[in-house]
Each structure stands twice: as structure tokens, then as C-alpha cells.
Protein backbone atom coordinates (compact mmCIF):
# COMPACT_ATOMS: atom_id res chain seq x y z
CA MET A 1 108.90 163.75 90.94
CA ARG A 2 110.45 161.30 88.59
CA THR A 3 114.01 162.43 89.80
CA LEU A 4 113.19 161.85 93.43
CA ALA A 5 111.66 158.39 92.73
CA LEU A 6 114.78 157.14 90.89
CA THR A 7 117.11 158.55 93.77
CA ALA A 8 114.97 156.69 96.20
CA MET A 9 115.26 153.59 94.51
CA MET A 10 119.12 154.03 94.05
CA ILE A 11 119.55 154.48 97.84
CA GLY A 12 117.52 151.43 98.50
CA ALA A 13 119.50 149.34 96.07
CA THR A 14 122.69 150.49 97.85
CA LEU A 15 121.50 149.60 101.25
CA SER A 16 119.71 146.45 100.77
CA PRO A 17 122.60 144.10 100.15
CA SER A 18 124.42 144.89 103.67
CA LEU A 19 120.96 144.66 105.24
CA PHE A 20 120.21 141.54 103.56
CA ALA A 21 123.52 140.02 104.61
CA HIS A 22 123.08 141.06 108.24
CA GLU A 23 119.60 139.30 108.31
CA THR A 24 121.01 136.15 106.97
CA GLU A 25 123.92 136.06 109.54
CA ASN A 26 121.23 136.17 112.24
CA LEU A 27 119.02 133.71 110.80
CA ASN A 28 121.86 131.10 110.12
CA TYR A 29 123.64 131.72 113.45
CA ASN A 30 123.21 128.96 116.25
CA ILE A 31 120.50 126.88 114.20
CA VAL A 32 119.71 123.38 115.21
CA ASN A 33 117.73 120.95 113.16
CA ILE A 34 115.49 118.71 115.19
CA GLN A 35 113.03 115.74 114.39
CA ALA A 36 110.39 114.05 116.64
CA ASP A 37 107.79 111.48 116.02
CA ALA A 38 104.56 110.21 117.43
CA ALA A 39 103.08 106.86 116.30
CA ARG A 40 100.14 104.69 117.25
CA GLN A 41 98.88 101.25 116.40
CA VAL A 42 95.35 101.64 115.11
CA ALA A 43 92.86 98.86 114.39
CA ASN A 44 91.72 98.45 110.81
CA ASP A 45 88.09 99.49 110.55
CA GLU A 46 87.61 98.93 106.71
CA MET A 47 87.50 96.12 104.56
CA ARG A 48 88.26 96.00 100.87
CA ALA A 49 87.80 93.08 98.43
CA VAL A 50 87.98 92.50 94.69
CA LEU A 51 86.19 89.75 92.87
CA TYR A 52 86.15 88.85 89.23
CA ILE A 53 84.71 86.53 86.69
CA GLU A 54 86.30 85.19 83.61
CA ARG A 55 84.43 83.56 80.60
CA SER A 56 85.36 82.64 77.17
CA ASN A 57 83.14 82.27 73.90
CA LYS A 58 83.63 82.01 70.34
CA GLN A 59 81.04 84.85 69.67
CA PRO A 60 81.80 88.06 71.37
CA ALA A 61 78.12 89.23 71.47
CA GLU A 62 77.21 86.04 73.28
CA LEU A 63 80.23 86.34 75.56
CA SER A 64 79.11 90.22 76.43
CA ASN A 65 75.60 88.97 77.28
CA GLN A 66 76.81 86.39 79.46
CA ILE A 67 79.22 88.85 81.32
CA ASN A 68 76.39 91.48 81.63
CA GLN A 69 74.07 88.86 82.93
CA LEU A 70 76.33 87.80 85.80
CA MET A 71 77.36 91.31 86.58
CA ASN A 72 73.60 92.38 86.89
CA GLN A 73 73.20 89.33 89.24
CA ALA A 74 75.86 90.46 91.37
CA GLN A 75 74.57 93.92 91.64
CA ALA A 76 71.16 92.48 92.57
CA ILE A 77 72.76 90.37 95.32
CA SER A 78 74.70 93.34 96.62
CA ARG A 79 71.48 95.50 97.09
CA LYS A 80 70.53 93.24 100.03
CA TYR A 81 73.73 94.43 101.81
CA ALA A 82 73.07 98.15 102.36
CA GLN A 83 76.06 98.37 104.57
CA VAL A 84 78.45 97.29 101.76
CA LYS A 85 79.68 99.60 98.93
CA VAL A 86 79.83 97.90 95.65
CA GLU A 87 81.35 99.35 92.45
CA THR A 88 82.09 97.95 89.01
CA GLY A 89 85.72 97.58 88.31
CA THR A 90 87.84 96.89 85.37
CA GLN A 91 86.36 95.14 82.47
CA SER A 92 88.20 93.86 79.45
CA THR A 93 87.68 91.65 76.44
CA TYR A 94 90.58 90.28 74.30
CA PRO A 95 91.07 87.54 71.69
CA ILE A 96 92.65 84.05 72.24
CA TYR A 97 94.76 82.67 69.45
CA ASP A 98 95.71 78.90 68.60
CA ASN A 99 99.42 78.50 69.32
CA ASP A 100 99.72 76.09 66.35
CA ASN A 101 98.26 78.24 63.39
CA ASN A 102 97.79 81.55 65.00
CA LYS A 103 94.28 81.57 63.99
CA LEU A 104 91.45 83.06 66.27
CA LYS A 105 90.43 80.53 68.86
CA GLU A 106 87.85 82.36 70.94
CA TRP A 107 87.35 85.50 72.82
CA ARG A 108 87.83 86.03 76.66
CA ALA A 109 86.30 88.53 78.99
CA ARG A 110 87.07 89.47 82.40
CA ALA A 111 85.14 91.83 84.82
CA GLU A 112 85.63 93.02 88.39
CA ILE A 113 83.51 94.21 91.25
CA GLN A 114 85.00 96.11 94.21
CA ILE A 115 83.70 95.92 97.72
CA GLU A 116 84.27 98.27 100.59
CA SER A 117 82.75 98.08 104.02
CA LYS A 118 83.16 98.73 107.71
CA ASP A 119 80.85 95.82 108.46
CA PHE A 120 83.13 92.93 107.93
CA LYS A 121 80.25 90.43 108.72
CA ALA A 122 78.11 91.76 105.97
CA ALA A 123 80.99 92.07 103.66
CA SER A 124 81.97 88.39 104.40
CA GLN A 125 78.46 87.05 103.66
CA LEU A 126 78.14 89.18 100.45
CA ILE A 127 81.62 87.77 99.37
CA SER A 128 80.34 84.17 100.11
CA GLU A 129 77.14 84.76 98.01
CA LEU A 130 79.17 86.24 95.15
CA GLN A 131 81.45 83.36 94.94
CA GLN A 132 78.85 81.12 93.45
CA SER A 133 79.83 82.73 90.38
CA PHE A 134 82.78 85.18 91.11
CA GLN A 135 86.31 84.35 92.26
CA THR A 136 88.13 86.33 94.83
CA GLN A 137 91.31 88.25 93.74
CA SER A 138 92.12 90.03 97.04
CA ILE A 139 90.73 90.90 100.43
CA SER A 140 92.57 93.70 102.42
CA PHE A 141 91.98 95.67 105.54
CA THR A 142 92.83 99.44 106.18
CA VAL A 143 91.98 102.25 108.54
CA SER A 144 89.11 104.34 107.06
CA ASP A 145 89.71 107.91 106.06
CA GLU A 146 87.55 109.11 108.81
CA GLN A 147 89.49 107.31 111.57
CA ARG A 148 92.78 108.09 109.96
CA LYS A 149 92.30 111.71 109.96
CA LYS A 150 91.13 111.77 113.63
CA VAL A 151 94.38 109.83 114.83
CA GLU A 152 96.39 111.99 112.52
CA ASN A 153 95.27 115.21 114.20
CA GLU A 154 95.92 113.81 117.59
CA LEU A 155 99.30 112.65 116.69
CA MET A 156 100.19 116.11 115.17
CA ILE A 157 99.64 117.62 118.63
CA GLU A 158 101.72 114.75 120.26
CA ALA A 159 104.49 114.97 117.73
CA SER A 160 104.53 118.71 118.30
CA ASN A 161 104.94 118.54 121.95
CA ASN A 162 107.88 115.94 121.46
CA PHE A 163 109.40 118.52 119.34
CA ARG A 164 109.16 121.29 121.97
CA GLN A 165 110.56 118.98 124.65
CA ARG A 166 113.50 117.97 122.48
CA ALA A 167 113.93 121.66 121.73
CA LEU A 168 114.01 122.58 125.28
CA ALA A 169 116.47 119.81 126.13
CA ILE A 170 118.90 120.82 123.28
CA THR A 171 118.74 124.49 124.51
CA ARG A 172 119.54 123.50 128.04
CA ALA A 173 122.36 121.10 127.03
CA TRP A 174 124.01 124.12 125.25
CA ASP A 175 123.60 126.38 128.18
CA LYS A 176 121.14 128.73 126.26
CA ALA A 177 118.36 130.55 127.97
CA GLN A 178 115.80 130.39 125.22
CA TYR A 179 115.20 129.62 121.49
CA ASN A 180 113.11 130.79 118.48
CA LEU A 181 111.33 128.29 116.14
CA VAL A 182 112.57 128.94 112.57
CA SER A 183 110.69 126.13 110.85
CA LEU A 184 108.30 123.25 111.56
CA ASN A 185 107.01 120.62 109.06
CA LEU A 186 104.45 118.07 110.12
CA ASN A 187 104.43 114.88 107.87
CA THR A 188 102.23 111.65 108.08
CA SER A 189 102.86 108.13 107.09
CA ASN A 190 101.10 104.97 107.25
CA TYR A 191 102.12 101.37 107.47
CA PHE A 192 99.67 98.60 106.78
CA PRO A 193 100.71 95.06 107.75
CA GLN A 194 97.28 93.86 107.38
CA PRO A 195 96.11 90.42 106.58
CA MET A 196 95.79 89.93 102.83
CA MET A 197 94.30 87.19 100.48
CA ARG A 198 95.41 87.20 97.06
CA GLY A 199 95.07 84.83 94.00
CA ALA A 200 92.17 82.98 92.63
CA MET A 201 89.86 81.07 95.21
CA ALA A 202 87.95 78.17 94.09
CA LYS A 203 84.42 78.83 92.61
CA PHE A 204 81.45 77.33 94.27
CA SER A 205 78.26 76.00 92.64
CA MET A 206 74.87 77.15 93.84
CA ALA A 207 74.32 74.07 95.96
CA GLU A 208 77.60 74.49 98.02
CA ALA A 209 78.01 78.13 98.50
CA ALA A 210 81.07 78.91 100.71
CA PRO A 211 80.27 79.73 104.39
CA ALA A 212 81.06 83.30 105.32
CA GLN A 213 84.56 83.80 106.64
CA ASP A 214 85.64 85.18 109.90
CA MET A 215 88.00 88.08 109.28
CA ALA A 216 90.93 89.18 111.21
CA ALA A 217 91.41 92.80 110.37
CA GLY A 218 94.60 93.42 112.19
CA GLU A 219 96.24 96.81 112.87
CA SER A 220 97.86 99.62 111.02
CA LYS A 221 100.86 101.91 112.41
CA ILE A 222 100.12 105.67 111.80
CA THR A 223 103.16 107.97 112.34
CA VAL A 224 103.34 111.85 112.32
CA SER A 225 106.92 113.42 112.00
CA ALA A 226 107.64 116.80 113.23
CA ASN A 227 110.96 118.14 111.74
CA GLY A 228 112.40 121.63 111.87
CA SER A 229 114.62 124.18 113.05
CA ILE A 230 115.32 126.21 116.19
CA GLN A 231 117.76 129.14 116.78
CA PHE A 232 119.40 129.67 120.19
CA LYS A 233 118.90 133.08 121.59
């Protein structure tokens, strides 16, 4: 039995190179690479914002208490807006030195909160309230994950149909009757030319809170590319 097994293996090893060469030749013959795209402009339905506070104090413990108090106040205000998701962002404390004698002058702390919502009006009102103590670092708009996935699924079908149309057109142009699909890749890409606000905005006192701003969310371009290879029959 052992001798027969070795013989079978030797025969297989002898035949496989020619078979492999034949299959490779068939695979690489009359192959054409094709790409087709499908794109759509989609209204941005999600708003994101980052607000921050910065405070300085010679006593780090007092500084920490001050920051914690302001962050707790922000969380309390945010609870009034159930439609808005609020998370604590980056927090840091670092020393400030005197440039003349390089001695410790004070401590400075910075803390951020991140806002995310599909309700632009509610998010704008919350930002307006928080600006009594916080400054706005950025406001941006994007397509939500749910909407993006829905559109991408639709564009995948559209891009595939465009690929098939190109494949048929090229097949006919070369006077071929049919083709086989060798490979197909579907890739997605998003382009977001949304309005964006950056940089520190002026803080407002309790008596002069900023009015809620009307937001123009804009649109984002979602594209699905279908690229692959066909083989003429």
C-alpha cells in the first residue's frame, strides 16, 4: 500500500505542471480589465461638534475642581436634549512656565465635549447654551452610518449594472459572442465637502447667551466603483 501511494503521488507530480500551464493559458487569454462607477449626492443628516473649556490656576487641585464643576454643569444641561448624544472628549492638564526665569507660573487645563445628533435644531440650541462657558472648536456635517450603508447598497447594484453594460459593449466591439466574469471588486469612497466651522468662538456671559444658529448641512458625494476582469469566449 505504501508503494502504491508513492507511485500515485509521483504520477500526480508529473502531470500537474502541464495541466497547470494549460489552465493558466486559458485563464490569461482574451482578458479585459473594466471599471465602472456609480455616484450620488446625499444630504448630510448628522451634525457633529466639539466644544471645549480652558482654565488656569496656580493650584492644580482647585483647577481640577473648577473643570469638573463646569463639565458636570454641561452634562446637566445636555440631559434636557434627549435627541443629542453628548460624550466627554479629551482632557489634559499641563504646567505653564515663566519665560524669564523658567519657573512654574501656573497650571492650565483643557477639557472637551463631543456632540452628535440628527436633530440640527436641538444640537444648535444645546451649543448655544453651552457657549455660556464653553468655546466651539468645530462643527461639521456628515452622512449617518445608517443612511450611508443604505445608499452604498443601492449604488453597488447600480455600479454592477454599469459594469455589465460596459462588459457587453466591449465584447461586441471585439466581435465576440459572450464573456465570462473572471473577477469583480466593489469599493466605496465618500467625499464630504460639508460646511465646517473651526477655531475658537467668543464666549458669552449668562446674560447674553448666543442665539441658536441655523445650520446648512450641505451634501456628501458617495461613490461605489466596480472594477474587475472579463474573458471573451
